[in-house]
């Protein structure tokens, strides 16, 4: 079976619904501690605010959007891959694309999201700070990480 390489391209308006669904499904798993109500509210904010403010790149797998990375300068605002196809290197490909563009990257990840934290550690990020609360003042530890070129 021939494997077609995944395309990474800028987000298009028609990608929005698929990417919000990927964000919500992935967040219900990785950010379960925030609760469904808060995640549904955040999904609206991702759609109405964050996707419009960030430089977003979508990865196409089997002909459809399978994940995305949002960049604000050298800061990763989010990296999400459809949980049904995680483990196939799509997150790594998005990260590599961002590194090619920006050289150095920073991000924040919830300490409770051990899968993402470990992913970033495996990909050369180091912890530079910890905060006892997230950006909304909730009592969830956030780890600030950086990767230099």
N, C-alpha and C. Protein backbone atom coordinates (compact mmCIF):
# COMPACT_ATOMS: atom_id res chain seq x y z
N UNK A 1 0.84 -1.19 0.00
CA UNK A 1 0.00 0.00 0.00
C UNK A 1 0.88 1.24 0.00
N UNK A 2 0.62 2.15 -0.91
CA UNK A 2 1.40 3.37 -1.02
C UNK A 2 0.84 4.41 -0.04
N UNK A 3 1.72 4.99 0.75
CA UNK A 3 1.32 6.04 1.70
C UNK A 3 1.53 7.39 1.05
N UNK A 4 0.47 8.19 1.02
CA UNK A 4 0.56 9.55 0.48
C UNK A 4 1.01 10.47 1.61
N UNK A 5 2.04 11.28 1.38
CA UNK A 5 2.50 12.19 2.44
C UNK A 5 1.40 13.17 2.84
N UNK A 6 1.41 13.54 4.10
CA UNK A 6 0.43 14.49 4.60
C UNK A 6 0.79 15.89 4.14
N UNK A 7 -0.20 16.63 3.71
CA UNK A 7 -0.02 18.02 3.32
C UNK A 7 -0.23 18.90 4.54
N UNK A 8 0.61 19.91 4.70
CA UNK A 8 0.41 20.94 5.71
C UNK A 8 0.24 22.25 4.96
N UNK A 9 -0.88 22.92 5.27
CA UNK A 9 -1.19 24.15 4.56
C UNK A 9 -1.87 25.13 5.52
N UNK A 10 -1.96 26.40 5.12
CA UNK A 10 -2.69 27.36 5.95
C UNK A 10 -4.16 26.95 6.07
N UNK A 11 -4.75 27.31 7.19
CA UNK A 11 -6.16 27.02 7.42
C UNK A 11 -7.02 27.74 6.38
N UNK A 12 -8.11 27.11 6.01
CA UNK A 12 -9.10 27.72 5.12
C UNK A 12 -10.42 27.82 5.87
N UNK A 13 -11.28 28.71 5.47
CA UNK A 13 -12.56 28.89 6.14
C UNK A 13 -13.34 27.58 6.20
N UNK A 14 -13.27 26.79 5.15
CA UNK A 14 -14.03 25.54 5.12
C UNK A 14 -13.47 24.47 6.07
N UNK A 15 -12.29 24.72 6.63
CA UNK A 15 -11.70 23.78 7.61
C UNK A 15 -12.25 23.98 9.02
N UNK A 16 -12.86 25.13 9.27
CA UNK A 16 -13.18 25.53 10.63
C UNK A 16 -13.99 24.50 11.39
N UNK A 17 -15.10 24.04 10.84
CA UNK A 17 -15.95 23.08 11.57
C UNK A 17 -15.19 21.81 11.91
N UNK A 18 -14.43 21.28 10.97
CA UNK A 18 -13.67 20.05 11.22
C UNK A 18 -12.62 20.28 12.31
N UNK A 19 -11.95 21.43 12.27
CA UNK A 19 -10.91 21.69 13.26
C UNK A 19 -11.49 21.95 14.65
N UNK A 20 -12.62 22.61 14.73
CA UNK A 20 -13.27 22.80 16.03
C UNK A 20 -13.69 21.45 16.59
N UNK A 21 -14.18 20.57 15.75
CA UNK A 21 -14.55 19.22 16.21
C UNK A 21 -13.32 18.47 16.71
N UNK A 22 -12.21 18.54 15.97
CA UNK A 22 -10.97 17.90 16.41
C UNK A 22 -10.54 18.49 17.74
N UNK A 23 -10.59 19.82 17.87
CA UNK A 23 -10.20 20.48 19.11
C UNK A 23 -11.04 19.97 20.27
N UNK A 24 -12.37 19.90 20.07
CA UNK A 24 -13.27 19.50 21.15
C UNK A 24 -13.08 18.05 21.54
N UNK A 25 -13.00 17.17 20.56
CA UNK A 25 -12.82 15.74 20.86
C UNK A 25 -11.48 15.51 21.58
N UNK A 26 -10.43 16.12 21.08
CA UNK A 26 -9.11 15.97 21.70
C UNK A 26 -9.08 16.60 23.09
N UNK A 27 -9.72 17.76 23.25
CA UNK A 27 -9.72 18.44 24.54
C UNK A 27 -10.53 17.68 25.58
N UNK A 28 -11.60 17.02 25.16
CA UNK A 28 -12.39 16.22 26.12
C UNK A 28 -11.55 15.08 26.71
N UNK A 29 -10.54 14.65 25.96
CA UNK A 29 -9.65 13.61 26.46
C UNK A 29 -8.50 14.22 27.24
N UNK A 30 -7.79 15.16 26.63
CA UNK A 30 -6.57 15.69 27.24
C UNK A 30 -6.82 16.74 28.31
N UNK A 31 -7.95 17.44 28.24
CA UNK A 31 -8.28 18.48 29.22
C UNK A 31 -9.57 18.14 29.95
N UNK A 32 -9.81 16.86 30.16
CA UNK A 32 -11.04 16.38 30.81
C UNK A 32 -11.29 17.05 32.16
N UNK A 33 -10.24 17.41 32.85
CA UNK A 33 -10.33 18.00 34.18
C UNK A 33 -11.00 19.38 34.17
N UNK A 34 -11.11 20.01 33.00
CA UNK A 34 -11.77 21.30 32.90
C UNK A 34 -13.30 21.19 32.88
N UNK A 35 -13.79 20.01 32.55
CA UNK A 35 -15.24 19.79 32.50
C UNK A 35 -15.81 20.14 31.13
N UNK A 36 -16.90 19.44 30.78
CA UNK A 36 -17.51 19.58 29.46
C UNK A 36 -18.04 20.99 29.24
N UNK A 37 -18.68 21.58 30.23
CA UNK A 37 -19.27 22.91 30.07
C UNK A 37 -18.21 23.95 29.70
N UNK A 38 -17.10 23.92 30.41
CA UNK A 38 -16.02 24.87 30.14
C UNK A 38 -15.42 24.60 28.75
N UNK A 39 -15.26 23.34 28.38
CA UNK A 39 -14.70 23.02 27.07
C UNK A 39 -15.62 23.49 25.94
N UNK A 40 -16.93 23.37 26.12
CA UNK A 40 -17.86 23.86 25.10
C UNK A 40 -17.76 25.37 24.94
N UNK A 41 -17.61 26.08 26.05
CA UNK A 41 -17.40 27.53 26.01
C UNK A 41 -16.09 27.86 25.31
N UNK A 42 -15.03 27.13 25.65
CA UNK A 42 -13.74 27.36 25.02
C UNK A 42 -13.77 27.06 23.53
N UNK A 43 -14.56 26.06 23.13
CA UNK A 43 -14.67 25.74 21.69
C UNK A 43 -15.21 26.94 20.93
N UNK A 44 -16.18 27.64 21.52
CA UNK A 44 -16.70 28.86 20.89
C UNK A 44 -15.62 29.92 20.78
N UNK A 45 -14.80 30.06 21.84
CA UNK A 45 -13.72 31.04 21.82
C UNK A 45 -12.67 30.67 20.78
N UNK A 46 -12.37 29.38 20.65
CA UNK A 46 -11.40 28.94 19.64
C UNK A 46 -11.92 29.34 18.26
N UNK A 47 -13.21 29.08 18.01
CA UNK A 47 -13.81 29.39 16.71
C UNK A 47 -13.84 30.90 16.46
N UNK A 48 -14.33 31.66 17.43
CA UNK A 48 -14.62 33.07 17.22
C UNK A 48 -13.43 34.00 17.43
N UNK A 49 -12.44 33.56 18.21
CA UNK A 49 -11.33 34.45 18.55
C UNK A 49 -9.98 33.87 18.11
N UNK A 50 -9.62 32.72 18.67
CA UNK A 50 -8.25 32.23 18.53
C UNK A 50 -7.88 31.80 17.11
N UNK A 51 -8.81 31.16 16.40
CA UNK A 51 -8.47 30.78 15.02
C UNK A 51 -8.27 32.01 14.14
N UNK A 52 -8.91 33.11 14.51
CA UNK A 52 -8.78 34.33 13.72
C UNK A 52 -7.52 35.11 14.08
N UNK A 53 -7.01 34.93 15.31
CA UNK A 53 -5.86 35.71 15.76
C UNK A 53 -4.53 35.02 15.48
N UNK A 54 -4.54 33.71 15.36
CA UNK A 54 -3.29 32.95 15.23
C UNK A 54 -2.96 32.66 13.77
N UNK A 55 -1.71 32.31 13.55
CA UNK A 55 -1.25 31.77 12.28
C UNK A 55 -1.47 30.27 12.38
N UNK A 56 -2.47 29.78 11.66
CA UNK A 56 -2.88 28.38 11.79
C UNK A 56 -2.50 27.56 10.58
N UNK A 57 -1.98 26.37 10.88
CA UNK A 57 -1.60 25.41 9.85
C UNK A 57 -2.37 24.13 10.10
N UNK A 58 -2.94 23.59 9.04
CA UNK A 58 -3.73 22.37 9.13
C UNK A 58 -2.98 21.24 8.43
N UNK A 59 -3.09 20.05 9.00
CA UNK A 59 -2.49 18.88 8.35
C UNK A 59 -3.61 18.05 7.75
N UNK A 60 -3.43 17.67 6.50
CA UNK A 60 -4.42 16.89 5.76
C UNK A 60 -3.95 15.43 5.73
N UNK A 61 -4.81 14.55 6.19
CA UNK A 61 -4.51 13.11 6.23
C UNK A 61 -5.69 12.38 5.61
N UNK A 62 -5.43 11.53 4.66
CA UNK A 62 -6.48 10.82 3.92
C UNK A 62 -7.50 11.80 3.34
N UNK A 63 -7.01 12.94 2.86
CA UNK A 63 -7.85 13.88 2.16
C UNK A 63 -8.67 14.83 3.00
N UNK A 64 -8.51 14.79 4.33
CA UNK A 64 -9.31 15.69 5.17
C UNK A 64 -8.47 16.24 6.32
N UNK A 65 -8.91 17.37 6.89
CA UNK A 65 -8.19 17.94 8.03
C UNK A 65 -8.11 16.94 9.18
N UNK A 66 -6.89 16.77 9.70
CA UNK A 66 -6.68 15.78 10.77
C UNK A 66 -6.08 16.41 12.02
N UNK A 67 -5.70 17.67 11.93
CA UNK A 67 -5.13 18.35 13.08
C UNK A 67 -4.65 19.73 12.66
N UNK A 68 -4.22 20.50 13.67
CA UNK A 68 -3.75 21.84 13.37
C UNK A 68 -2.84 22.34 14.47
N UNK A 69 -2.06 23.35 14.11
CA UNK A 69 -1.22 24.05 15.08
C UNK A 69 -1.48 25.53 14.89
N UNK A 70 -1.65 26.22 16.02
CA UNK A 70 -1.86 27.66 16.00
C UNK A 70 -0.66 28.37 16.59
N UNK A 71 -0.11 29.32 15.86
CA UNK A 71 1.08 30.04 16.29
C UNK A 71 0.78 31.53 16.45
N UNK A 72 1.28 32.08 17.53
CA UNK A 72 1.25 33.53 17.74
C UNK A 72 2.70 33.93 17.91
N UNK A 73 3.30 34.42 16.83
CA UNK A 73 4.73 34.63 16.84
C UNK A 73 5.42 33.28 17.01
N UNK A 74 6.28 33.18 18.03
CA UNK A 74 6.98 31.91 18.30
C UNK A 74 6.28 31.09 19.39
N UNK A 75 5.06 31.46 19.72
CA UNK A 75 4.31 30.76 20.77
C UNK A 75 3.27 29.84 20.15
N UNK A 76 3.28 28.58 20.59
CA UNK A 76 2.28 27.63 20.13
C UNK A 76 1.03 27.82 20.99
N UNK A 77 -0.02 28.35 20.38
CA UNK A 77 -1.28 28.52 21.10
C UNK A 77 -2.02 27.22 21.26
N UNK A 78 -1.78 26.28 20.38
CA UNK A 78 -2.41 24.97 20.47
C UNK A 78 -1.93 24.06 19.37
N UNK A 79 -1.86 22.78 19.68
CA UNK A 79 -1.54 21.75 18.70
C UNK A 79 -2.49 20.60 19.01
N UNK A 80 -3.37 20.30 18.06
CA UNK A 80 -4.38 19.27 18.27
C UNK A 80 -4.44 18.35 17.07
N UNK A 81 -4.51 17.05 17.35
CA UNK A 81 -4.64 16.02 16.31
C UNK A 81 -5.83 15.16 16.67
N UNK A 82 -6.58 14.77 15.66
CA UNK A 82 -7.72 13.88 15.85
C UNK A 82 -7.28 12.66 16.67
N UNK A 83 -7.88 12.44 17.84
CA UNK A 83 -7.46 11.32 18.70
C UNK A 83 -7.54 9.95 18.01
N UNK A 84 -8.42 9.82 17.01
CA UNK A 84 -8.56 8.54 16.31
C UNK A 84 -7.34 8.19 15.47
N UNK A 85 -6.50 9.18 15.19
CA UNK A 85 -5.31 8.90 14.38
C UNK A 85 -4.04 9.42 15.04
N UNK A 86 -4.09 9.66 16.34
CA UNK A 86 -2.87 10.04 17.04
C UNK A 86 -1.89 8.87 17.02
N UNK A 87 -0.61 9.19 17.12
CA UNK A 87 0.40 8.15 17.09
C UNK A 87 0.92 7.83 15.70
N UNK A 88 0.48 8.57 14.70
CA UNK A 88 0.93 8.35 13.33
C UNK A 88 1.91 9.42 12.86
N UNK A 89 2.36 10.26 13.79
CA UNK A 89 3.37 11.26 13.46
C UNK A 89 2.82 12.60 13.00
N UNK A 90 1.51 12.79 13.02
CA UNK A 90 0.93 14.04 12.54
C UNK A 90 1.30 15.21 13.44
N UNK A 91 1.26 15.01 14.75
CA UNK A 91 1.66 16.06 15.68
C UNK A 91 3.11 16.44 15.49
N UNK A 92 3.94 15.43 15.30
CA UNK A 92 5.37 15.68 15.05
C UNK A 92 5.55 16.48 13.76
N UNK A 93 4.80 16.14 12.71
CA UNK A 93 4.92 16.85 11.44
C UNK A 93 4.51 18.31 11.58
N UNK A 94 3.43 18.57 12.32
CA UNK A 94 3.00 19.94 12.56
C UNK A 94 4.06 20.71 13.35
N UNK A 95 4.61 20.06 14.37
CA UNK A 95 5.64 20.69 15.18
C UNK A 95 6.89 20.99 14.35
N UNK A 96 7.30 20.04 13.53
CA UNK A 96 8.47 20.23 12.67
C UNK A 96 8.24 21.39 11.70
N UNK A 97 7.02 21.49 11.18
CA UNK A 97 6.69 22.59 10.28
C UNK A 97 6.82 23.93 11.01
N UNK A 98 6.29 24.01 12.22
CA UNK A 98 6.37 25.23 13.01
C UNK A 98 7.82 25.59 13.33
N UNK A 99 8.62 24.59 13.65
CA UNK A 99 10.04 24.84 13.93
C UNK A 99 10.78 25.34 12.69
N UNK A 100 10.44 24.80 11.53
CA UNK A 100 11.04 25.29 10.28
C UNK A 100 10.71 26.76 10.06
N UNK A 101 9.49 27.13 10.40
CA UNK A 101 9.05 28.52 10.20
C UNK A 101 9.64 29.47 11.23
N UNK A 102 9.65 29.06 12.49
CA UNK A 102 9.94 30.00 13.60
C UNK A 102 11.29 29.77 14.26
N UNK A 103 11.90 28.64 14.05
CA UNK A 103 13.20 28.26 14.63
C UNK A 103 13.11 27.95 16.13
N UNK A 104 12.74 28.91 16.97
CA UNK A 104 12.54 28.69 18.40
C UNK A 104 11.05 28.75 18.68
N UNK A 105 10.59 27.94 19.64
CA UNK A 105 9.17 27.91 19.98
C UNK A 105 8.98 27.86 21.49
N UNK A 106 7.88 28.43 21.95
CA UNK A 106 7.48 28.33 23.35
C UNK A 106 6.02 27.89 23.39
N UNK A 107 5.61 27.39 24.54
CA UNK A 107 4.23 26.94 24.71
C UNK A 107 3.94 26.80 26.19
N UNK A 108 2.67 26.63 26.49
CA UNK A 108 2.25 26.26 27.83
C UNK A 108 1.39 25.02 27.70
N UNK A 109 1.57 24.10 28.65
CA UNK A 109 0.82 22.86 28.66
C UNK A 109 0.38 22.58 30.09
N UNK A 110 -0.82 22.07 30.24
CA UNK A 110 -1.29 21.68 31.57
C UNK A 110 -0.44 20.52 32.08
N UNK A 111 -0.04 20.58 33.34
CA UNK A 111 0.73 19.49 33.95
C UNK A 111 -0.08 18.19 33.94
N UNK A 112 -1.41 18.32 34.06
CA UNK A 112 -2.27 17.13 34.05
C UNK A 112 -2.37 16.48 32.67
N UNK A 113 -1.96 17.19 31.65
CA UNK A 113 -1.97 16.66 30.29
C UNK A 113 -0.61 16.00 30.04
N UNK A 114 -0.39 14.88 30.71
CA UNK A 114 0.92 14.22 30.68
C UNK A 114 1.30 13.75 29.28
N UNK A 115 0.32 13.36 28.47
CA UNK A 115 0.64 12.91 27.12
C UNK A 115 1.27 14.04 26.31
N UNK A 116 0.67 15.23 26.36
CA UNK A 116 1.23 16.37 25.62
C UNK A 116 2.56 16.81 26.21
N UNK A 117 2.64 16.85 27.54
CA UNK A 117 3.89 17.25 28.20
C UNK A 117 5.03 16.32 27.76
N UNK A 118 4.77 15.03 27.78
CA UNK A 118 5.79 14.06 27.36
C UNK A 118 6.13 14.19 25.88
N UNK A 119 5.13 14.49 25.05
CA UNK A 119 5.37 14.71 23.62
C UNK A 119 6.36 15.85 23.41
N UNK A 120 6.14 16.95 24.12
CA UNK A 120 7.03 18.10 23.96
C UNK A 120 8.43 17.80 24.51
N UNK A 121 8.51 17.09 25.62
CA UNK A 121 9.82 16.70 26.15
C UNK A 121 10.58 15.85 25.14
N UNK A 122 9.89 14.87 24.54
CA UNK A 122 10.52 14.00 23.53
C UNK A 122 11.00 14.79 22.32
N UNK A 123 10.39 15.94 22.10
CA UNK A 123 10.72 16.74 20.93
C UNK A 123 11.59 17.94 21.26
N UNK A 124 12.34 17.83 22.34
CA UNK A 124 13.39 18.80 22.63
C UNK A 124 12.99 20.03 23.43
N UNK A 125 11.76 20.10 23.90
CA UNK A 125 11.35 21.24 24.72
C UNK A 125 11.82 21.03 26.15
N UNK A 126 12.12 22.13 26.81
CA UNK A 126 12.52 22.09 28.22
C UNK A 126 11.59 22.99 29.02
N UNK A 127 11.39 22.60 30.26
CA UNK A 127 10.55 23.39 31.15
C UNK A 127 11.32 24.62 31.60
N UNK A 128 10.68 25.79 31.49
CA UNK A 128 11.34 27.00 31.96
C UNK A 128 10.58 27.66 33.12
N UNK A 129 9.32 27.28 33.34
CA UNK A 129 8.56 27.83 34.47
C UNK A 129 7.31 26.98 34.70
N UNK A 130 6.80 27.09 35.93
CA UNK A 130 5.52 26.47 36.29
C UNK A 130 4.67 27.51 36.98
N UNK A 131 3.37 27.45 36.69
CA UNK A 131 2.43 28.36 37.31
C UNK A 131 1.32 27.53 37.95
N UNK A 132 0.91 27.91 39.16
CA UNK A 132 -0.09 27.14 39.91
C UNK A 132 -1.49 27.29 39.34
N UNK A 133 -1.71 28.33 38.54
CA UNK A 133 -3.03 28.57 37.95
C UNK A 133 -2.90 28.75 36.45
N UNK A 134 -3.99 28.45 35.74
CA UNK A 134 -3.98 28.68 34.30
C UNK A 134 -4.36 30.14 34.00
N UNK A 135 -4.48 30.47 32.73
CA UNK A 135 -4.76 31.85 32.32
C UNK A 135 -6.11 32.37 32.81
N UNK A 136 -7.01 31.46 33.13
CA UNK A 136 -8.33 31.84 33.63
C UNK A 136 -8.38 31.87 35.15
N UNK A 137 -7.23 31.65 35.80
CA UNK A 137 -7.19 31.65 37.25
C UNK A 137 -7.65 30.36 37.90
N UNK A 138 -7.80 29.32 37.11
CA UNK A 138 -8.22 28.01 37.64
C UNK A 138 -7.01 27.30 38.24
N UNK A 139 -7.24 26.51 39.27
CA UNK A 139 -6.13 25.87 40.01
C UNK A 139 -5.54 24.64 39.32
N UNK A 140 -5.10 24.82 38.09
CA UNK A 140 -4.48 23.74 37.33
C UNK A 140 -3.08 24.20 36.93
N UNK A 141 -2.08 23.44 37.35
CA UNK A 141 -0.70 23.81 37.08
C UNK A 141 -0.43 23.82 35.57
N UNK A 142 0.23 24.89 35.15
CA UNK A 142 0.61 25.07 33.75
C UNK A 142 2.13 25.11 33.68
N UNK A 143 2.68 24.39 32.71
CA UNK A 143 4.13 24.33 32.51
C UNK A 143 4.48 25.13 31.26
N UNK A 144 5.37 26.10 31.42
CA UNK A 144 5.87 26.88 30.29
C UNK A 144 7.12 26.19 29.77
N UNK A 145 7.14 25.92 28.47
CA UNK A 145 8.25 25.18 27.86
C UNK A 145 8.81 25.96 26.67
N UNK A 146 10.06 25.65 26.33
CA UNK A 146 10.72 26.33 25.22
C UNK A 146 11.64 25.33 24.49
N UNK A 147 11.74 25.54 23.19
CA UNK A 147 12.72 24.82 22.39
C UNK A 147 13.47 25.84 21.56
N UNK A 148 14.77 25.85 21.73
CA UNK A 148 15.63 26.74 20.96
C UNK A 148 16.14 25.99 19.73
N UNK A 149 16.58 26.75 18.70
CA UNK A 149 17.08 26.09 17.48
C UNK A 149 18.30 25.23 17.76
